[in-house]
Amino acid sequence: MSVRSHGWIVVLAVVSLLFGSQARGQGIVIPGAGPINRSMAGTGVAAPLDVAGALYNNPAQITGLQSSEFVMGLDFLQVSTHLASSFMAGPIGETRSDSGVAALPTMAVAFQSDDSPVTLGVGLFSIGGFGVNYPETPTNPILTTPDGVGPIFSRLNVYQVLAAAAMKLTDRLSIGFSPTVVISEAALDPDIFATPAAGAYPAATHARPHWGLGFHAGIYYEMNSHWRFGASYKSPQWIEDFSFFSSSPTPELSLAADYPGIISLGSSYSGIPNTVIAVDLRYVDYENADLFGDPTGYDGTGAATGLGWKSVFAISTGAQYRVNDCLSLRAGYLFNENPIADEDAFFNVASSAVYQHMIAMGASWQINCRTGLNIAYLRALHNSIEGPWRPAATGGAPVPFSLVKSRQWVDALVIGLQVKF
């Protein structure tokens, strides 16, 4: 195999390394689904290695699966987040969020037919979220009362259910479409997006699950036996306004927030024996998502106006090597731009999803010809943002000689089962 035949993969990998040198975090979007796709760092717009990664990244490519199959997986996610602050050049105090370990489910199935060019699929995914749980403490100024904010709690979990249909237009070209339904759970205390009463913000914690709709469309092209290309568009997930019960004088609170739209491009190469190499480029449009893209600041009542997130690019690379008929090994690397500017750190102490680089590795063991056991480990490396206090008392203007700093890293263990039928 000549060096020239691998040229585009090498070029794309080098570009991703250069791009990643200024990257930070991808925000609330979970990159990938299921242990196989997660062990490739979520790379999979044009690499249909399993039905979960195929449906999550590009519904058109379920026509490229080897057979009908079912996948289930579970992510055990440990997010380590720390909040530090100082005020008026005073001492810096730091507190760790007691976030615990989250369990994120994945289930997906695809049905292929020898008599039809259409492949059908159904999936259930955890597609996004964040959360912190900081106690009140006298050693960390922002977590004190009445001068600071006091204890801070937040939770956002977004789950997606989809039904997909993909059609082979030719032997090489496929298109796919899936309507999507999302179920979201949210809580925020204090709710800085509500009007404060007596100088304090209410708690937005008593809420039901909220629902939303969207769609996912894609195209998949097999140029030859080695090269594959894909593109997909995930629409924004338009979620009904969140409503919360609170205490007087504001017995009911509301908050508008949507999941962002995502554009993805990908390619994969399998010309090296027993090897698949894939590269994805992704654009996450936070700027046009309610709440996330709304500018930071305060309205006339003292309620915060938004989180100020910017739209970001992400690049991921992944590789699979089949050692023998039973064992396959995988690895991946993900780079992201940072949606949160340092000057907006104060408004994002409850939503600081700021990891920079993520590495992934995993393996599959074929129990028999139809069933495989899969495992992946992911590490999002340490990263931080920091900026000044910007309270409502100053209209959002920075407080001199003040500091708010959030830092974070993530560990995840993913296990699952793949059954072909």
Protein backbone atom coordinates (compact mmCIF):
# COMPACT_ATOMS: atom_id res chain seq x y z
CA MET A 1 0.00 0.00 0.00
CA SER A 2 1.54 3.34 -1.06
CA VAL A 3 1.97 6.38 1.18
CA ARG A 4 -0.01 8.43 -1.32
CA SER A 5 -3.10 6.26 -0.85
CA HIS A 6 -3.21 7.30 2.83
CA GLY A 7 -2.53 10.98 2.13
CA TRP A 8 -5.95 12.41 2.90
CA ILE A 9 -6.19 10.62 6.24
CA VAL A 10 -2.78 11.97 7.23
CA VAL A 11 -3.71 15.50 6.15
CA LEU A 12 -6.99 15.44 8.08
CA ALA A 13 -5.29 14.05 11.18
CA VAL A 14 -2.64 16.80 11.09
CA VAL A 15 -5.33 19.46 10.61
CA SER A 16 -7.19 18.11 13.63
CA LEU A 17 -4.04 18.32 15.76
CA LEU A 18 -3.44 21.94 14.74
CA PHE A 19 -7.08 22.81 15.29
CA GLY A 20 -7.07 21.24 18.73
CA SER A 21 -4.19 23.36 20.01
CA GLN A 22 -6.65 26.20 20.74
CA ALA A 23 -9.65 24.04 21.61
CA ARG A 24 -11.40 23.72 24.96
CA GLY A 25 -14.83 22.18 25.50
CA GLN A 26 -17.77 21.00 23.42
CA GLY A 27 -20.40 22.10 25.90
CA ILE A 28 -23.45 20.00 26.72
CA VAL A 29 -23.32 17.73 23.62
CA ILE A 30 -22.30 14.15 24.42
CA PRO A 31 -19.89 13.05 21.65
CA GLY A 32 -20.95 9.59 20.57
CA ALA A 33 -23.22 6.77 21.68
CA GLY A 34 -22.51 3.24 22.83
CA PRO A 35 -19.17 1.64 23.72
CA ILE A 36 -17.99 1.07 20.12
CA ASN A 37 -18.61 4.61 18.93
CA ARG A 38 -17.46 6.13 22.23
CA SER A 39 -14.15 4.21 22.01
CA MET A 40 -13.63 5.98 18.65
CA ALA A 41 -14.15 9.35 20.46
CA GLY A 42 -17.56 9.66 18.80
CA THR A 43 -16.13 9.49 15.27
CA GLY A 44 -18.73 7.84 13.05
CA VAL A 45 -20.44 10.00 10.43
CA ALA A 46 -19.08 7.66 7.72
CA ALA A 47 -17.94 4.62 9.72
CA PRO A 48 -20.92 2.30 10.42
CA LEU A 49 -19.24 0.00 12.94
CA ASP A 50 -22.43 -0.49 14.95
CA VAL A 51 -26.04 0.64 14.89
CA ALA A 52 -25.74 2.97 17.91
CA GLY A 53 -22.92 5.03 16.41
CA ALA A 54 -24.59 4.97 13.00
CA LEU A 55 -27.97 6.26 14.19
CA TYR A 56 -26.42 8.82 16.54
CA ASN A 57 -24.11 10.36 13.92
CA ASN A 58 -25.80 9.83 10.54
CA PRO A 59 -29.02 7.83 9.99
CA ALA A 60 -28.21 7.23 6.31
CA GLN A 61 -25.32 4.92 7.14
CA ILE A 62 -27.42 2.19 8.77
CA THR A 63 -27.61 0.82 5.20
CA GLY A 64 -23.86 0.14 5.53
CA LEU A 65 -24.21 -2.20 8.52
CA GLN A 66 -23.26 -5.83 7.89
CA SER A 67 -26.63 -7.12 9.09
CA SER A 68 -29.55 -6.34 11.32
CA GLU A 69 -28.33 -5.76 14.86
CA PHE A 70 -29.17 -4.67 18.38
CA VAL A 71 -26.88 -2.68 20.69
CA MET A 72 -27.28 -1.69 24.30
CA GLY A 73 -24.79 0.17 26.44
CA LEU A 74 -24.36 2.06 29.68
CA ASP A 75 -22.01 4.97 30.41
CA PHE A 76 -20.73 5.41 33.96
CA LEU A 77 -19.74 9.07 33.97
CA GLN A 78 -17.69 10.82 36.64
CA VAL A 79 -17.41 14.59 36.13
CA SER A 80 -14.91 16.30 38.42
CA THR A 81 -15.71 20.02 38.62
CA HIS A 82 -14.12 22.59 40.94
CA LEU A 83 -15.17 26.21 41.57
CA ALA A 84 -12.70 28.78 42.92
CA SER A 85 -13.26 32.45 43.69
CA SER A 86 -11.85 35.53 45.36
CA PHE A 87 -13.28 38.99 45.97
CA MET A 88 -11.54 42.37 46.21
CA ALA A 89 -8.10 40.72 45.96
CA GLY A 90 -8.87 38.51 48.98
CA PRO A 91 -7.73 34.91 49.40
CA ILE A 92 -8.81 32.33 46.80
CA GLY A 93 -11.02 29.49 48.01
CA GLU A 94 -11.88 26.37 45.98
CA THR A 95 -14.70 23.82 46.34
CA ARG A 96 -15.30 20.50 44.58
CA SER A 97 -18.77 19.71 43.26
CA ASP A 98 -20.32 16.62 44.82
CA SER A 99 -21.70 15.41 41.49
CA GLY A 100 -21.44 11.63 41.97
CA VAL A 101 -21.44 9.09 39.16
CA ALA A 102 -24.09 9.33 36.43
CA ALA A 103 -25.41 6.36 34.44
CA LEU A 104 -26.33 7.16 30.82
CA PRO A 105 -28.20 4.52 28.77
CA THR A 106 -27.93 3.69 25.06
CA MET A 107 -30.17 1.33 23.09
CA ALA A 108 -30.40 0.97 19.31
CA VAL A 109 -31.66 -1.54 16.77
CA ALA A 110 -31.61 -1.72 12.97
CA PHE A 111 -33.63 -3.98 10.66
CA GLN A 112 -32.26 -4.81 7.21
CA SER A 113 -34.03 -6.79 4.49
CA ASP A 114 -32.56 -8.60 1.49
CA ASP A 115 -35.69 -7.74 -0.47
CA SER A 116 -35.74 -3.99 0.18
CA PRO A 117 -33.34 -1.05 -0.21
CA VAL A 118 -34.77 0.40 3.02
CA THR A 119 -33.23 -0.11 6.46
CA LEU A 120 -35.20 0.85 9.57
CA GLY A 121 -33.80 1.81 12.96
CA VAL A 122 -34.87 2.84 16.45
CA GLY A 123 -32.67 4.42 19.11
CA LEU A 124 -32.66 5.75 22.66
CA PHE A 125 -29.70 7.97 23.57
CA SER A 126 -28.41 10.30 26.25
CA ILE A 127 -27.47 13.31 24.13
CA GLY A 128 -26.51 16.05 26.58
CA GLY A 129 -26.38 17.53 30.03
CA PHE A 130 -24.43 19.08 32.87
CA GLY A 131 -24.73 19.42 36.63
CA VAL A 132 -23.01 20.72 39.76
CA ASN A 133 -23.69 20.52 43.49
CA TYR A 134 -21.68 23.04 45.52
CA PRO A 135 -22.27 23.48 49.28
CA GLU A 136 -22.21 26.79 51.08
CA THR A 137 -18.76 27.36 52.56
CA PRO A 138 -17.13 30.34 54.33
CA THR A 139 -13.77 29.74 52.62
CA ASN A 140 -15.03 30.25 49.05
CA PRO A 141 -16.44 33.79 48.62
CA ILE A 142 -18.89 33.02 45.80
CA LEU A 143 -20.44 30.21 47.86
CA THR A 144 -21.09 32.38 50.92
CA THR A 145 -24.20 34.34 51.88
CA PRO A 146 -25.15 37.14 51.78
CA ASP A 147 -22.12 38.51 49.92
CA GLY A 148 -21.87 35.65 47.41
CA VAL A 149 -24.38 33.39 45.69
CA GLY A 150 -24.54 30.70 48.39
CA PRO A 151 -24.88 26.97 47.62
CA ILE A 152 -25.30 26.19 43.91
CA PHE A 153 -27.14 23.25 42.37
CA SER A 154 -27.89 22.52 38.72
CA ARG A 155 -29.00 19.55 36.64
CA LEU A 156 -29.75 19.15 32.95
CA ASN A 157 -30.32 15.73 31.39
CA VAL A 158 -31.45 15.40 27.77
CA TYR A 159 -32.56 12.03 26.36
CA GLN A 160 -33.53 11.37 22.76
CA VAL A 161 -35.76 8.78 21.12
CA LEU A 162 -35.70 8.43 17.35
CA ALA A 163 -37.09 6.24 14.58
CA ALA A 164 -35.04 6.24 11.38
CA ALA A 165 -35.48 5.13 7.79
CA ALA A 166 -32.58 4.93 5.35
CA MET A 167 -32.76 4.07 1.64
CA LYS A 168 -30.13 3.00 -0.84
CA LEU A 169 -30.67 5.16 -3.91
CA THR A 170 -27.87 3.29 -5.70
CA ASP A 171 -25.40 0.59 -4.69
CA ARG A 172 -23.15 3.35 -3.31
CA LEU A 173 -25.41 6.22 -2.25
CA SER A 174 -27.87 6.25 0.68
CA ILE A 175 -30.02 8.87 2.39
CA GLY A 176 -31.62 8.73 5.81
CA PHE A 177 -34.08 10.61 7.96
CA SER A 178 -35.28 10.33 11.54
CA PRO A 179 -37.78 12.42 13.48
CA THR A 180 -36.59 12.87 17.07
CA VAL A 181 -38.29 13.28 20.42
CA VAL A 182 -36.37 14.58 23.45
CA ILE A 183 -37.15 14.32 27.14
CA SER A 184 -35.41 16.85 29.37
CA GLU A 185 -35.00 17.20 33.12
CA ALA A 186 -33.72 20.47 34.55
CA ALA A 187 -33.18 22.14 37.90
CA LEU A 188 -31.35 25.31 38.97
CA ASP A 189 -30.81 26.79 42.43
CA PRO A 190 -30.48 29.74 42.57
CA ASP A 191 -32.29 30.56 39.34
CA ILE A 192 -30.41 33.64 38.17
CA PHE A 193 -32.72 33.87 35.13
CA ALA A 194 -35.67 34.75 37.38
CA THR A 195 -36.48 38.11 38.97
CA PRO A 196 -34.85 38.30 42.41
CA ALA A 197 -36.96 39.05 45.49
CA ALA A 198 -35.50 40.77 48.56
CA GLY A 199 -32.08 40.54 46.97
CA ALA A 200 -32.20 36.76 46.49
CA TYR A 201 -32.93 34.55 43.49
CA PRO A 202 -35.57 31.80 43.86
CA ALA A 203 -34.93 28.08 43.40
CA ALA A 204 -36.12 26.43 40.18
CA THR A 205 -36.13 22.81 41.32
CA HIS A 206 -39.70 21.50 41.29
CA ALA A 207 -40.34 20.50 37.67
CA ARG A 208 -41.76 17.70 35.58
CA PRO A 209 -39.97 16.23 32.55
CA HIS A 210 -40.25 18.48 29.51
CA TRP A 211 -40.58 17.37 25.89
CA GLY A 212 -39.23 18.55 22.57
CA LEU A 213 -39.10 17.68 18.88
CA GLY A 214 -36.56 17.79 16.08
CA PHE A 215 -35.16 15.75 13.21
CA HIS A 216 -31.93 14.23 11.91
CA ALA A 217 -31.10 13.82 8.19
CA GLY A 218 -28.03 12.44 6.48
CA ILE A 219 -26.33 11.17 3.34
CA TYR A 220 -23.81 8.31 3.05
CA TYR A 221 -21.61 7.47 0.06
CA GLU A 222 -19.35 4.45 -0.49
CA MET A 223 -16.90 5.66 -3.12
CA ASN A 224 -15.20 2.27 -3.41
CA SER A 225 -14.27 -0.67 -1.18
CA HIS A 226 -11.94 1.54 0.89
CA TRP A 227 -13.36 5.08 1.08
CA ARG A 228 -16.65 6.20 2.63
CA PHE A 229 -18.04 9.69 3.12
CA GLY A 230 -21.01 11.08 5.03
CA ALA A 231 -22.78 14.24 6.10
CA SER A 232 -25.65 14.87 8.48
CA TYR A 233 -27.71 17.65 9.98
CA LYS A 234 -29.31 17.46 13.42
CA SER A 235 -31.91 20.16 13.79
CA PRO A 236 -32.19 22.06 17.05
CA GLN A 237 -34.26 20.10 19.53
CA TRP A 238 -37.07 22.54 20.18
CA ILE A 239 -38.07 21.98 23.81
CA GLU A 240 -41.18 23.37 25.47
CA ASP A 241 -40.44 26.14 27.97
CA PHE A 242 -39.34 24.73 31.31
CA SER A 243 -41.68 25.52 34.18
CA PHE A 244 -40.83 25.23 37.88
CA PHE A 245 -42.80 25.59 41.09
CA SER A 246 -41.16 27.94 43.56
CA SER A 247 -41.94 29.82 46.75
CA SER A 248 -43.61 33.23 47.05
CA PRO A 249 -43.55 35.87 45.73
CA THR A 250 -42.90 33.97 42.47
CA PRO A 251 -44.85 30.70 42.78
CA GLU A 252 -44.13 29.60 39.20
CA LEU A 253 -40.99 30.19 37.11
CA SER A 254 -40.33 29.56 33.43
CA LEU A 255 -37.21 29.24 31.31
CA ALA A 256 -36.75 28.84 27.55
CA ALA A 257 -33.84 26.57 26.53
CA ASP A 258 -33.20 24.46 23.41
CA TYR A 259 -30.64 21.84 22.40
CA PRO A 260 -28.42 23.19 19.58
CA GLY A 261 -28.41 22.20 15.91
CA ILE A 262 -25.38 20.21 14.67
CA ILE A 263 -23.80 19.86 11.21
CA SER A 264 -21.39 16.93 10.72
CA LEU A 265 -19.07 15.81 7.93
CA GLY A 266 -17.07 12.58 8.00
CA SER A 267 -14.89 10.16 6.08
CA SER A 268 -13.45 6.72 6.75
CA TYR A 269 -10.77 4.58 5.13
CA SER A 270 -10.43 0.78 5.33
CA GLY A 271 -7.69 0.11 2.78
CA ILE A 272 -5.20 -1.01 5.44
CA PRO A 273 -5.75 -4.72 6.30
CA ASN A 274 -8.02 -5.23 9.33
CA THR A 275 -8.11 -1.47 9.98
CA VAL A 276 -10.69 1.32 9.83
CA ILE A 277 -9.60 4.97 10.21
CA ALA A 278 -12.20 7.74 10.48
CA VAL A 279 -12.24 11.53 10.76
CA ASP A 280 -15.25 13.76 11.59
CA LEU A 281 -15.73 17.52 11.54
CA ARG A 282 -18.66 18.89 13.53
CA TYR A 283 -20.25 22.33 13.99
CA VAL A 284 -22.46 22.89 17.05
CA ASP A 285 -24.68 25.97 16.72
CA TYR A 286 -25.06 27.20 20.30
CA GLU A 287 -25.46 30.83 19.25
CA ASN A 288 -28.95 30.16 17.85
CA ALA A 289 -30.12 27.98 20.76
CA ASP A 290 -32.37 29.61 23.35
CA LEU A 291 -30.63 30.36 26.67
CA PHE A 292 -27.22 29.05 25.57
CA GLY A 293 -26.79 31.58 22.77
CA ASP A 294 -28.52 34.49 24.51
CA PRO A 295 -26.01 37.21 25.53
CA THR A 296 -24.96 37.55 29.15
CA GLY A 297 -26.14 40.48 31.22
CA TYR A 298 -29.24 41.46 33.19
CA ASP A 299 -32.64 42.87 32.34
CA GLY A 300 -34.35 45.69 34.17
CA THR A 301 -35.56 43.37 36.97
CA GLY A 302 -32.11 41.93 37.74
CA ALA A 303 -32.71 38.61 35.98
CA ALA A 304 -29.81 37.23 33.94
CA THR A 305 -30.47 37.20 30.19
CA GLY A 306 -28.40 34.24 28.94
CA LEU A 307 -25.26 32.12 29.09
CA GLY A 308 -23.45 33.72 26.13
CA TRP A 309 -22.22 30.49 24.50
CA LYS A 310 -20.58 30.69 21.06
CA SER A 311 -21.03 28.18 18.24
CA VAL A 312 -18.08 25.79 18.05
CA PHE A 313 -16.24 23.39 15.76
CA ALA A 314 -15.08 19.95 16.87
CA ILE A 315 -12.80 17.46 15.13
CA SER A 316 -12.47 13.81 16.09
CA THR A 317 -10.33 10.96 14.81
CA GLY A 318 -10.70 7.27 15.54
CA ALA A 319 -9.24 3.94 14.48
CA GLN A 320 -10.22 0.29 14.81
CA TYR A 321 -7.86 -2.65 14.38
CA ARG A 322 -9.14 -6.22 14.15
CA VAL A 323 -6.56 -8.38 15.90
CA ASN A 324 -8.28 -11.68 15.05
CA ASP A 325 -11.78 -13.10 14.60
CA CYS A 326 -12.53 -12.55 18.29
CA LEU A 327 -10.75 -9.35 19.32
CA SER A 328 -10.92 -5.77 17.99
CA LEU A 329 -9.14 -2.75 19.49
CA ARG A 330 -10.04 0.93 19.11
CA ALA A 331 -8.75 4.37 20.03
CA GLY A 332 -9.82 7.95 19.37
CA TYR A 333 -9.03 11.59 20.04
CA LEU A 334 -11.48 14.50 20.15
CA PHE A 335 -10.71 18.24 19.96
CA ASN A 336 -13.18 21.06 20.57
CA GLU A 337 -13.52 24.79 20.55
CA ASN A 338 -14.73 26.37 23.76
CA PRO A 339 -18.30 27.77 23.75
CA ILE A 340 -17.77 29.74 26.98
CA ALA A 341 -15.65 32.91 26.98
CA ASP A 342 -13.57 33.67 30.08
CA GLU A 343 -15.47 36.91 30.66
CA ASP A 344 -18.70 34.88 30.97
CA ALA A 345 -17.34 32.47 33.61
CA PHE A 346 -19.47 34.11 36.33
CA PHE A 347 -22.71 33.35 34.50
CA ASN A 348 -21.66 29.71 33.90
CA VAL A 349 -20.63 28.52 37.36
CA ALA A 350 -23.59 26.08 37.18
CA SER A 351 -23.02 25.12 33.52
CA SER A 352 -19.25 24.95 33.13
CA ALA A 353 -18.86 22.17 30.53
CA VAL A 354 -15.34 23.16 29.47
CA TYR A 355 -13.24 20.05 28.82
CA GLN A 356 -10.60 20.52 26.12
CA HIS A 357 -9.16 17.27 24.74
CA MET A 358 -10.69 13.83 25.08
CA ILE A 359 -8.89 10.52 24.58
CA ALA A 360 -10.70 7.22 24.18
CA MET A 361 -9.86 3.55 23.93
CA GLY A 362 -11.81 0.33 23.86
CA ALA A 363 -12.12 -3.26 22.77
CA SER A 364 -14.67 -5.81 21.56
CA TRP A 365 -14.67 -9.54 22.24
CA GLN A 366 -16.82 -11.79 20.08
CA ILE A 367 -18.54 -14.28 22.37
CA ASN A 368 -19.82 -16.09 19.29
CA CYS A 369 -20.48 -15.27 15.63
CA ARG A 370 -23.46 -13.06 16.50
CA THR A 371 -22.75 -11.60 19.94
CA GLY A 372 -19.98 -9.24 21.04
CA LEU A 373 -19.07 -7.74 24.40
CA ASN A 374 -17.80 -4.14 24.17
CA ILE A 375 -16.00 -1.84 26.59
CA ALA A 376 -14.58 1.70 26.36
CA TYR A 377 -12.77 4.14 28.61
CA LEU A 378 -12.73 7.90 28.00
CA ARG A 379 -10.82 10.70 29.67
CA ALA A 380 -11.57 14.38 29.05
CA LEU A 381 -8.42 16.16 30.12
CA HIS A 382 -8.29 18.97 32.67
CA ASN A 383 -9.30 22.44 31.50
CA SER A 384 -10.55 25.67 33.09
CA ILE A 385 -12.10 29.07 32.45
CA GLU A 386 -11.82 32.14 34.66
CA GLY A 387 -13.15 35.67 34.73
CA PRO A 388 -14.37 38.46 37.05
CA TRP A 389 -17.51 38.63 39.16
CA ARG A 390 -20.35 40.23 37.18
CA PRO A 391 -23.26 40.58 39.63
CA ALA A 392 -26.63 42.22 39.08
CA ALA A 393 -25.66 45.00 41.51
CA THR A 394 -23.18 46.31 38.92
CA GLY A 395 -25.48 45.66 35.96
CA GLY A 396 -23.11 42.92 34.82
CA ALA A 397 -20.01 45.12 34.82
CA PRO A 398 -16.85 43.33 36.05
CA VAL A 399 -15.92 43.80 39.71
CA PRO A 400 -12.25 44.87 39.99
CA PHE A 401 -9.85 42.45 41.71
CA SER A 402 -12.37 39.61 41.70
CA LEU A 403 -12.06 36.08 40.32
CA VAL A 404 -14.33 33.16 39.40
CA LYS A 405 -12.65 30.03 38.07
CA SER A 406 -14.21 26.71 37.02
CA ARG A 407 -12.03 23.73 36.19
CA GLN A 408 -13.05 20.26 35.10
CA TRP A 409 -12.05 16.82 33.89
CA VAL A 410 -14.18 13.78 33.05
CA ASP A 411 -13.79 10.00 33.28
CA ALA A 412 -16.20 7.54 31.70
CA LEU A 413 -16.45 3.75 31.57
CA VAL A 414 -18.80 2.39 28.92
CA ILE A 415 -19.92 -1.23 28.63
CA GLY A 416 -22.35 -2.85 26.23
CA LEU A 417 -23.51 -5.71 24.08
CA GLN A 418 -23.86 -6.01 20.29
CA VAL A 419 -26.08 -8.72 18.84
CA LYS A 420 -26.36 -9.32 15.08
CA PHE A 421 -29.34 -11.16 13.64
